[in-house]
Amino acid sequence: MLRESLTGIKVVDFSQIGAGPTCSMYLGDLGADVIKVEPPSGDVGRKLGPPWYFERESAVYVAFNRNKRGVCLDLKMEGGLKVAQQLVDEADVLVESFRPGVLGRFGLGYDAVSVRNPQIVYCSVSAYGSTGESAKLAGVDGIVQAASGLMNLLGEDGQPPSKVQTPIVDISTGYIASIAVLAQLFQRTRTGKGGYLDVSMFATAVTLQQASMTGFLGDGALPERTGSAAPYSAPNEAFEAADGWVMVAAYLGDRWEKFCAILSLPEVVNDPRFATSSQRVLNRPAMRAAIAPAFKCFDCAQWLERLAASDILCSKVADYHDLMVNPALEHLQLIADMQGRNGKTYRTPGFPANCRESQSISHRAPPGLGEHTKTVLKELGYSDYDIHKLIASGAVSAQCTRGDTT
């Protein structure tokens, strides 16, 4: 099973908020034993809200930390740092998202760790990479959306720039990082050695713009903001119906003619300005002006039925209430259910590949702060007495706090 493919792989996760935790979460989804290391103040993501889960836990933290065990260590104290070094020395993978050089000051940078553990796959996730003039700069999802040009693509022409409201750069960077880790683990089977991976949010955000940036590199023209419309084909955009919006893709082959027939607009299909998709892109405002009034004559359900009957690609622009009753969501079992130690059920979107198989197995809920500290210390060979001393000194914590740590 896909969920067992990384069984036996140990991951130590020093990352926080979104990008790094997404990477380690997917490794955990694939069966790796992920140990999330948090400072006494907890992952910053625990404090980001609203929205809150069960009125006290950050949805950001819940979203990116399933299938992990949690330990709480103070790296500034000798006892906590020693535990961290032991974990790393036994690990197959380390994921971190500190500013470049921070872990190195604790003897946990790649140069030091790889001497003690040559097989480790060390993945650094940062805003702008670990080297170069921008490496010292911090960044979060929205800042990188802005710096990469992505934000300037979003929204309507003539309106202020917008952003993708879900942290798309964080999530996509986590995807890229997990792919890189898997590739390096495969390479390790050939060479016996690990390696260093430098994954930046900025690089990910640039590659998210593959098509639009390729166009700019080809002709030097800045792309316009087109709202819901694809800049390279038309009609490929949303139209307002009587009770909502319908997204339509009717730009190829005879779909354009069928689309106009459904709308009862023969004068539009015969207009030379709209003869090809490329011409419709160039004349999009006129095309929309001719089409939009007809769409308001029927509601979304009626349009979907009429369009689908002629093989016109379409969808209602769904909100989350609509999404929850979409039969594909249930059939693919895209929502992962997790039982927390407090008896409550946590639900998030699950692993997207082989999702029916993946979600059929129970998931570990995101760990409370220090929830598994004692268990992990025992696995490292610590006695109950030694664990008690470490807790008493403040070097480690086992307080099992699930909610906001402020």
Protein backbone atom coordinates (compact mmCIF):
# COMPACT_ATOMS: atom_id res chain seq x y z
CA MET A 1 0.00 0.00 0.00
CA LEU A 2 1.07 3.57 -0.66
CA ARG A 3 0.57 4.38 3.02
CA GLU A 4 3.29 1.86 3.91
CA SER A 5 5.90 2.84 1.33
CA LEU A 6 8.09 4.80 3.79
CA THR A 7 7.71 2.43 6.74
CA GLY A 8 11.01 2.34 8.61
CA ILE A 9 12.04 5.86 7.55
CA LYS A 10 12.57 8.25 10.46
CA VAL A 11 12.00 11.97 9.94
CA VAL A 12 12.92 14.72 12.39
CA ASP A 13 10.89 17.84 11.67
CA PHE A 14 12.11 21.19 13.00
CA SER A 15 9.87 23.20 10.67
CA GLN A 16 6.96 25.48 11.54
CA ILE A 17 3.79 27.03 10.07
CA GLY A 18 3.12 25.74 6.51
CA ALA A 19 5.76 24.82 3.95
CA GLY A 20 8.08 22.56 5.97
CA PRO A 21 5.24 20.94 7.94
CA THR A 22 3.45 20.14 4.66
CA CYS A 23 6.56 18.28 3.46
CA SER A 24 6.90 16.22 6.64
CA MET A 25 3.13 15.61 6.79
CA TYR A 26 3.18 13.98 3.36
CA LEU A 27 6.16 11.85 4.37
CA GLY A 28 4.10 10.78 7.39
CA ASP A 29 1.13 10.04 5.12
CA LEU A 30 3.42 7.65 3.24
CA GLY A 31 4.33 5.77 6.41
CA ALA A 32 7.40 7.53 7.75
CA ASP A 33 7.81 7.98 11.51
CA VAL A 34 7.78 11.79 11.76
CA ILE A 35 8.90 13.37 15.02
CA LYS A 36 7.94 17.03 15.21
CA VAL A 37 10.34 19.01 17.39
CA GLU A 38 8.87 22.20 18.87
CA PRO A 39 10.35 24.82 21.20
CA PRO A 40 8.67 25.50 24.55
CA SER A 41 6.60 28.24 22.90
CA GLY A 42 5.31 25.80 20.29
CA ASP A 43 5.06 25.97 16.52
CA VAL A 44 4.17 29.53 15.52
CA GLY A 45 1.36 28.00 13.47
CA ARG A 46 -0.45 27.09 16.70
CA LYS A 47 -1.12 30.79 17.29
CA LEU A 48 -2.38 31.75 13.81
CA GLY A 49 -6.10 32.35 13.78
CA PRO A 50 -8.96 32.75 13.46
CA PRO A 51 -10.28 30.43 12.25
CA TRP A 52 -9.93 28.10 15.21
CA TYR A 53 -10.61 24.38 15.39
CA PHE A 54 -12.88 23.48 18.32
CA GLU A 55 -12.63 27.20 19.28
CA ARG A 56 -9.11 26.87 20.69
CA GLU A 57 -6.81 25.18 18.19
CA SER A 58 -5.40 26.85 15.13
CA ALA A 59 -6.76 25.50 11.85
CA VAL A 60 -3.32 26.26 10.37
CA TYR A 61 -1.63 23.89 12.82
CA VAL A 62 -4.27 21.17 12.45
CA ALA A 63 -4.07 21.40 8.65
CA PHE A 64 -0.36 20.62 8.30
CA ASN A 65 0.61 18.29 11.14
CA ARG A 66 -1.23 14.97 10.98
CA ASN A 67 0.66 11.68 11.19
CA LYS A 68 3.40 13.06 13.43
CA ARG A 69 4.60 12.52 16.97
CA GLY A 70 5.44 15.62 18.97
CA VAL A 71 8.32 16.38 21.30
CA CYS A 72 9.11 19.69 22.97
CA LEU A 73 12.80 20.60 23.36
CA ASP A 74 14.64 23.74 24.41
CA LEU A 75 17.70 23.74 22.15
CA LYS A 76 19.24 26.53 24.22
CA MET A 77 19.62 24.10 27.14
CA GLU A 78 22.23 21.37 27.10
CA GLY A 79 19.76 18.57 27.85
CA GLY A 80 17.33 19.60 25.11
CA LEU A 81 20.10 20.03 22.53
CA LYS A 82 21.54 16.61 23.38
CA VAL A 83 18.16 14.97 22.74
CA ALA A 84 17.85 16.81 19.42
CA GLN A 85 21.32 15.65 18.37
CA GLN A 86 20.45 12.05 19.25
CA LEU A 87 17.26 12.22 17.22
CA VAL A 88 19.09 13.66 14.22
CA ASP A 89 21.92 11.13 14.45
CA GLU A 90 19.37 8.31 14.12
CA ALA A 91 17.23 9.98 11.46
CA ASP A 92 16.91 9.28 7.76
CA VAL A 93 15.49 12.73 7.01
CA LEU A 94 15.69 16.15 8.65
CA VAL A 95 13.29 18.92 7.63
CA GLU A 96 13.87 22.47 8.89
CA SER A 97 12.59 25.94 8.07
CA PHE A 98 14.76 28.26 10.14
CA ARG A 99 16.58 31.17 8.56
CA PRO A 100 19.82 29.92 6.98
CA GLY A 101 22.50 29.26 9.59
CA VAL A 102 20.27 29.12 12.66
CA LEU A 103 20.47 25.36 13.22
CA GLY A 104 24.19 25.50 12.45
CA ARG A 105 24.70 27.54 15.61
CA PHE A 106 23.41 24.55 17.58
CA GLY A 107 25.64 22.05 15.79
CA LEU A 108 22.65 20.86 13.79
CA GLY A 109 23.57 22.30 10.40
CA TYR A 110 24.14 19.97 7.46
CA ASP A 111 27.94 20.13 7.59
CA ALA A 112 28.04 18.94 11.21
CA VAL A 113 25.15 16.49 11.00
CA SER A 114 26.36 14.78 7.81
CA VAL A 115 29.71 13.98 9.46
CA ARG A 116 27.93 12.08 12.23
CA ASN A 117 25.19 10.71 9.98
CA PRO A 118 26.36 10.52 6.33
CA GLN A 119 23.09 8.89 5.25
CA ILE A 120 20.86 11.73 6.32
CA VAL A 121 18.70 13.56 3.78
CA TYR A 122 18.74 17.14 5.03
CA CYS A 123 15.97 19.36 3.64
CA SER A 124 16.12 23.09 4.30
CA VAL A 125 12.96 25.02 3.46
CA SER A 126 13.27 28.80 3.38
CA ALA A 127 11.82 31.88 1.73
CA TYR A 128 14.64 32.63 -0.72
CA GLY A 129 17.11 29.74 -0.42
CA SER A 130 20.12 29.14 1.81
CA THR A 131 22.70 31.09 -0.22
CA GLY A 132 22.88 34.34 -2.14
CA GLU A 133 22.03 37.95 -1.40
CA SER A 134 18.39 37.24 -0.49
CA ALA A 135 19.06 34.29 1.82
CA LYS A 136 18.99 36.50 4.92
CA LEU A 137 15.47 37.73 4.12
CA ALA A 138 12.51 36.21 5.89
CA GLY A 139 9.27 35.63 4.06
CA VAL A 140 5.82 34.13 4.48
CA ASP A 141 3.30 32.96 1.90
CA GLY A 142 1.78 36.36 1.08
CA ILE A 143 5.14 38.14 0.91
CA VAL A 144 6.49 35.54 -1.50
CA GLN A 145 3.32 35.71 -3.61
CA ALA A 146 4.08 39.42 -3.96
CA ALA A 147 7.84 39.13 -4.54
CA SER A 148 7.51 36.39 -7.15
CA GLY A 149 5.02 38.24 -9.37
CA LEU A 150 2.22 35.80 -8.59
CA MET A 151 0.09 38.38 -6.78
CA ASN A 152 0.27 40.73 -9.74
CA LEU A 153 -1.47 38.11 -11.91
CA LEU A 154 -4.51 37.77 -9.67
CA GLY A 155 -7.73 39.76 -9.63
CA GLU A 156 -9.43 41.93 -12.24
CA ASP A 157 -7.72 44.35 -14.59
CA GLY A 158 -7.71 47.85 -13.13
CA GLN A 159 -8.34 46.58 -9.60
CA PRO A 160 -5.80 46.22 -6.75
CA PRO A 161 -3.63 43.11 -6.80
CA SER A 162 -5.03 40.09 -5.03
CA LYS A 163 -3.64 36.87 -3.61
CA VAL A 164 -4.56 33.22 -3.43
CA GLN A 165 -6.31 33.07 -0.05
CA THR A 166 -5.21 29.55 0.75
CA PRO A 167 -1.43 29.53 1.37
CA ILE A 168 -0.70 28.13 -2.06
CA VAL A 169 3.04 28.85 -1.96
CA ASP A 170 3.45 27.14 1.42
CA ILE A 171 1.54 24.08 0.28
CA SER A 172 3.24 23.85 -3.12
CA THR A 173 6.67 24.26 -1.53
CA GLY A 174 5.83 21.37 0.78
CA TYR A 175 4.92 19.27 -2.25
CA ILE A 176 8.20 20.13 -3.98
CA ALA A 177 10.21 19.45 -0.84
CA SER A 178 8.59 16.04 -0.33
CA ILE A 179 9.31 15.09 -3.95
CA ALA A 180 12.94 16.15 -3.50
CA VAL A 181 13.23 14.11 -0.29
CA LEU A 182 11.81 11.02 -1.98
CA ALA A 183 14.22 11.43 -4.90
CA GLN A 184 17.19 11.82 -2.54
CA LEU A 185 16.12 8.76 -0.55
CA PHE A 186 16.01 6.78 -3.81
CA GLN A 187 19.46 8.11 -4.74
CA ARG A 188 20.68 6.97 -1.32
CA THR A 189 19.78 3.38 -2.17
CA ARG A 190 22.37 3.60 -4.97
CA THR A 191 25.14 5.54 -3.24
CA GLY A 192 24.59 4.85 0.46
CA LYS A 193 24.85 8.57 1.13
CA GLY A 194 22.28 11.24 1.90
CA GLY A 195 22.50 14.82 0.74
CA TYR A 196 21.45 18.42 1.19
CA LEU A 197 18.25 19.83 -0.34
CA ASP A 198 17.74 23.58 -0.64
CA VAL A 199 14.03 24.26 -1.27
CA SER A 200 12.76 27.83 -1.42
CA MET A 201 9.26 29.24 -1.44
CA PHE A 202 10.38 31.86 -3.95
CA ALA A 203 11.50 29.23 -6.46
CA THR A 204 8.23 27.37 -6.03
CA ALA A 205 6.18 30.53 -6.53
CA VAL A 206 8.06 31.30 -9.74
CA THR A 207 7.42 27.81 -11.14
CA LEU A 208 3.72 28.12 -10.32
CA GLN A 209 3.69 30.73 -13.08
CA GLN A 210 5.03 28.33 -15.70
CA ALA A 211 2.67 29.30 -18.53
CA SER A 212 2.37 33.06 -17.93
CA MET A 213 6.07 33.57 -17.34
CA THR A 214 6.97 31.51 -20.41
CA GLY A 215 4.75 33.84 -22.43
CA PHE A 216 6.52 36.89 -20.99
CA LEU A 217 9.93 35.41 -21.70
CA GLY A 218 8.79 34.85 -25.27
CA ASP A 219 7.31 38.22 -26.18
CA GLY A 220 8.17 40.54 -23.28
CA ALA A 221 4.54 41.57 -22.75
CA LEU A 222 3.30 41.76 -19.16
CA PRO A 223 0.22 39.58 -18.62
CA GLU A 224 -3.03 41.33 -17.80
CA ARG A 225 -5.18 40.45 -14.80
CA THR A 226 -8.13 38.54 -16.19
CA GLY A 227 -10.06 37.49 -13.08
CA SER A 228 -11.54 34.05 -13.64
CA ALA A 229 -10.52 33.98 -17.32
CA ALA A 230 -7.63 31.99 -18.70
CA PRO A 231 -5.34 34.44 -20.53
CA TYR A 232 -4.64 31.95 -23.35
CA SER A 233 -8.13 30.75 -24.36
CA ALA A 234 -11.73 31.94 -24.53
CA PRO A 235 -14.34 31.39 -23.39
CA ASN A 236 -12.59 29.82 -20.41
CA GLU A 237 -14.02 31.82 -17.53
CA ALA A 238 -16.93 32.31 -15.14
CA PHE A 239 -20.28 33.85 -16.07
CA GLU A 240 -22.92 35.09 -13.62
CA ALA A 241 -26.14 33.06 -13.61
CA ALA A 242 -29.39 33.90 -11.81
CA ASP A 243 -28.21 32.42 -8.51
CA GLY A 244 -24.43 32.18 -8.71
CA TRP A 245 -21.54 31.77 -11.11
CA VAL A 246 -20.77 29.07 -13.70
CA MET A 247 -17.27 28.37 -14.99
CA VAL A 248 -17.25 27.43 -18.66
CA ALA A 249 -14.51 26.09 -20.96
CA ALA A 250 -15.85 26.12 -24.51
CA TYR A 251 -12.86 27.21 -26.54
CA LEU A 252 -11.90 24.09 -28.51
CA GLY A 253 -13.39 22.53 -31.65
CA ASP A 254 -17.13 22.74 -32.10
CA ARG A 255 -17.79 23.45 -28.43
CA TRP A 256 -17.83 27.19 -29.17
CA GLU A 257 -20.58 26.71 -31.76
CA LYS A 258 -22.55 24.43 -29.41
CA PHE A 259 -22.13 26.96 -26.63
CA CYS A 260 -23.54 29.79 -28.73
CA ALA A 261 -26.41 27.58 -29.88
CA ILE A 262 -27.35 26.85 -26.26
CA LEU A 263 -27.29 30.59 -25.58
CA SER A 264 -29.39 31.22 -28.73
CA LEU A 265 -26.78 33.66 -30.02
CA PRO A 266 -26.23 32.90 -33.75
CA GLU A 267 -24.98 36.43 -34.32
CA VAL A 268 -22.14 35.79 -31.88
CA VAL A 269 -20.94 32.56 -33.43
CA ASN A 270 -20.91 34.24 -36.85
CA ASP A 271 -19.04 37.33 -35.66
CA PRO A 272 -15.54 37.33 -37.26
CA ARG A 273 -14.09 38.82 -34.05
CA PHE A 274 -14.88 35.53 -32.33
CA ALA A 275 -13.97 33.06 -35.07
CA THR A 276 -11.10 31.41 -33.17
CA SER A 277 -10.07 31.07 -29.55
CA SER A 278 -7.13 33.41 -30.15
CA GLN A 279 -9.41 36.07 -31.64
CA ARG A 280 -11.81 35.67 -28.73
CA VAL A 281 -8.93 36.23 -26.31
CA LEU A 282 -8.02 39.45 -28.11
CA ASN A 283 -11.67 40.55 -28.14
CA ARG A 284 -12.66 39.17 -24.76
CA PRO A 285 -14.52 42.29 -23.48
CA ALA A 286 -16.77 42.31 -26.54
CA MET A 287 -17.31 38.56 -26.30
CA ARG A 288 -18.30 38.80 -22.64
CA ALA A 289 -20.62 41.72 -23.33
CA ALA A 290 -22.42 39.61 -25.92
CA ILE A 291 -22.67 36.48 -23.75
CA ALA A 292 -23.10 37.68 -20.16
CA PRO A 293 -26.72 38.92 -20.34
CA ALA A 294 -28.00 35.55 -21.58
CA PHE A 295 -26.46 33.75 -18.61
CA LYS A 296 -28.63 35.58 -16.10
CA CYS A 297 -31.77 33.98 -17.56
CA PHE A 298 -31.26 30.64 -15.80
CA ASP A 299 -29.87 29.42 -12.51
CA CYS A 300 -26.65 27.43 -12.11
CA ALA A 301 -28.30 24.00 -12.02
CA GLN A 302 -30.16 24.69 -15.26
CA TRP A 303 -27.01 25.89 -16.99
CA LEU A 304 -25.03 22.87 -15.84
CA GLU A 305 -27.69 20.52 -17.21
CA ARG A 306 -27.91 22.33 -20.56
CA LEU A 307 -24.16 22.67 -21.02
CA ALA A 308 -23.28 19.13 -19.96
CA ALA A 309 -25.84 17.73 -22.40
CA SER A 310 -23.72 19.21 -25.22
CA ASP A 311 -20.40 18.13 -23.71
CA ILE A 312 -19.47 21.68 -22.69
CA LEU A 313 -16.98 21.62 -19.81
CA CYS A 314 -18.54 23.48 -16.90
CA SER A 315 -18.89 23.73 -13.15
CA LYS A 316 -20.65 25.87 -10.63
CA VAL A 317 -18.20 28.13 -8.83
CA ALA A 318 -18.57 26.20 -5.60
CA ASP A 319 -18.28 27.37 -2.03
CA TYR A 320 -17.38 24.90 0.72
CA HIS A 321 -21.05 24.07 1.36
CA ASP A 322 -21.31 23.00 -2.28
CA LEU A 323 -18.04 21.09 -2.06
CA MET A 324 -19.18 19.05 0.93
CA VAL A 325 -22.06 17.56 -1.11
CA ASN A 326 -20.01 16.95 -4.25
CA PRO A 327 -20.18 13.17 -4.82
CA ALA A 328 -16.55 13.10 -5.96
CA LEU A 329 -15.41 14.28 -2.52
CA GLU A 330 -17.06 11.30 -0.81
CA HIS A 331 -16.23 8.76 -3.51
CA LEU A 332 -12.52 9.63 -3.46
CA GLN A 333 -12.55 9.87 0.35
CA LEU A 334 -10.65 13.13 0.19
CA ILE A 335 -11.31 14.08 3.81
CA ALA A 336 -9.06 12.45 6.41
CA ASP A 337 -10.60 11.79 9.82
CA MET A 338 -8.29 11.80 12.83
CA GLN A 339 -9.07 10.89 16.42
CA GLY A 340 -7.35 13.14 18.95
CA ARG A 341 -6.45 12.24 22.52
CA ASN A 342 -9.27 14.51 23.70
CA GLY A 343 -11.82 12.23 22.01
CA LYS A 344 -12.67 14.74 19.31
CA THR A 345 -12.49 14.08 15.59
CA TYR A 346 -10.22 16.26 13.49
CA ARG A 347 -10.91 16.52 9.75
CA THR A 348 -8.69 17.89 7.00
CA PRO A 349 -8.12 17.25 3.30
CA GLY A 350 -6.03 14.09 3.10
CA PHE A 351 -3.22 12.77 0.92
CA PRO A 352 -4.37 13.29 -2.69
CA ALA A 353 -2.80 10.26 -4.41
CA ASN A 354 -4.60 6.91 -4.10
CA CYS A 355 -6.81 8.82 -1.70
CA ARG A 356 -9.47 6.10 -1.32
CA GLU A 357 -6.76 3.75 -0.09
CA SER A 358 -4.94 6.39 1.94
CA GLN A 359 -7.98 7.67 3.81
CA SER A 360 -9.25 4.15 4.61
CA ILE A 361 -6.58 3.90 7.32
CA SER A 362 -6.85 5.92 10.49
CA HIS A 363 -4.60 8.96 10.74
CA ARG A 364 -2.70 10.23 13.74
CA ALA A 365 -4.10 13.59 14.84
CA PRO A 366 -1.68 16.55 15.04
CA PRO A 367 0.29 16.17 18.27
CA GLY A 368 -0.16 18.33 21.30
CA LEU A 369 2.90 20.28 22.38
CA GLY A 370 5.22 17.68 23.91
CA GLU A 371 2.59 14.94 23.62
CA HIS A 372 5.10 12.19 22.78
CA THR A 373 8.20 13.55 24.52
CA LYS A 374 8.34 10.80 27.14
CA THR A 375 7.75 8.02 24.61
CA VAL A 376 10.46 9.26 22.25
CA LEU A 377 12.95 9.73 25.09
CA LYS A 378 12.37 6.16 26.22
CA GLU A 379 13.02 4.99 22.65
CA LEU A 380 16.34 6.85 22.82
CA GLY A 381 17.23 4.90 25.97
CA TYR A 382 16.40 7.43 28.67
CA SER A 383 15.26 6.07 32.03
CA ASP A 384 12.21 7.41 33.87
CA TYR A 385 14.57 9.13 36.30
CA ASP A 386 16.53 10.82 33.50
CA ILE A 387 13.29 11.93 31.83
CA HIS A 388 12.05 13.42 35.10
CA LYS A 389 15.34 15.36 35.49
CA LEU A 390 15.10 16.74 31.95
CA ILE A 391 11.51 17.85 32.47
CA ALA A 392 12.34 19.40 35.85
CA SER A 393 15.23 21.36 34.32
CA GLY A 394 13.02 22.76 31.54
CA ALA A 395 15.19 21.22 28.82
CA VAL A 396 12.22 19.22 27.59
CA SER A 397 8.47 19.46 28.06
CA ALA A 398 5.76 16.83 28.16
CA GLN A 399 2.82 19.07 28.91
CA CYS A 400 0.57 17.65 26.15
CA THR A 401 -1.01 21.03 25.39
CA ARG A 402 -3.07 20.76 22.19
CA GLY A 403 -4.32 24.31 21.84
CA ASP A 404 -2.91 27.80 21.62
CA THR A 405 0.24 28.07 23.71
CA THR A 406 -0.03 31.78 24.42
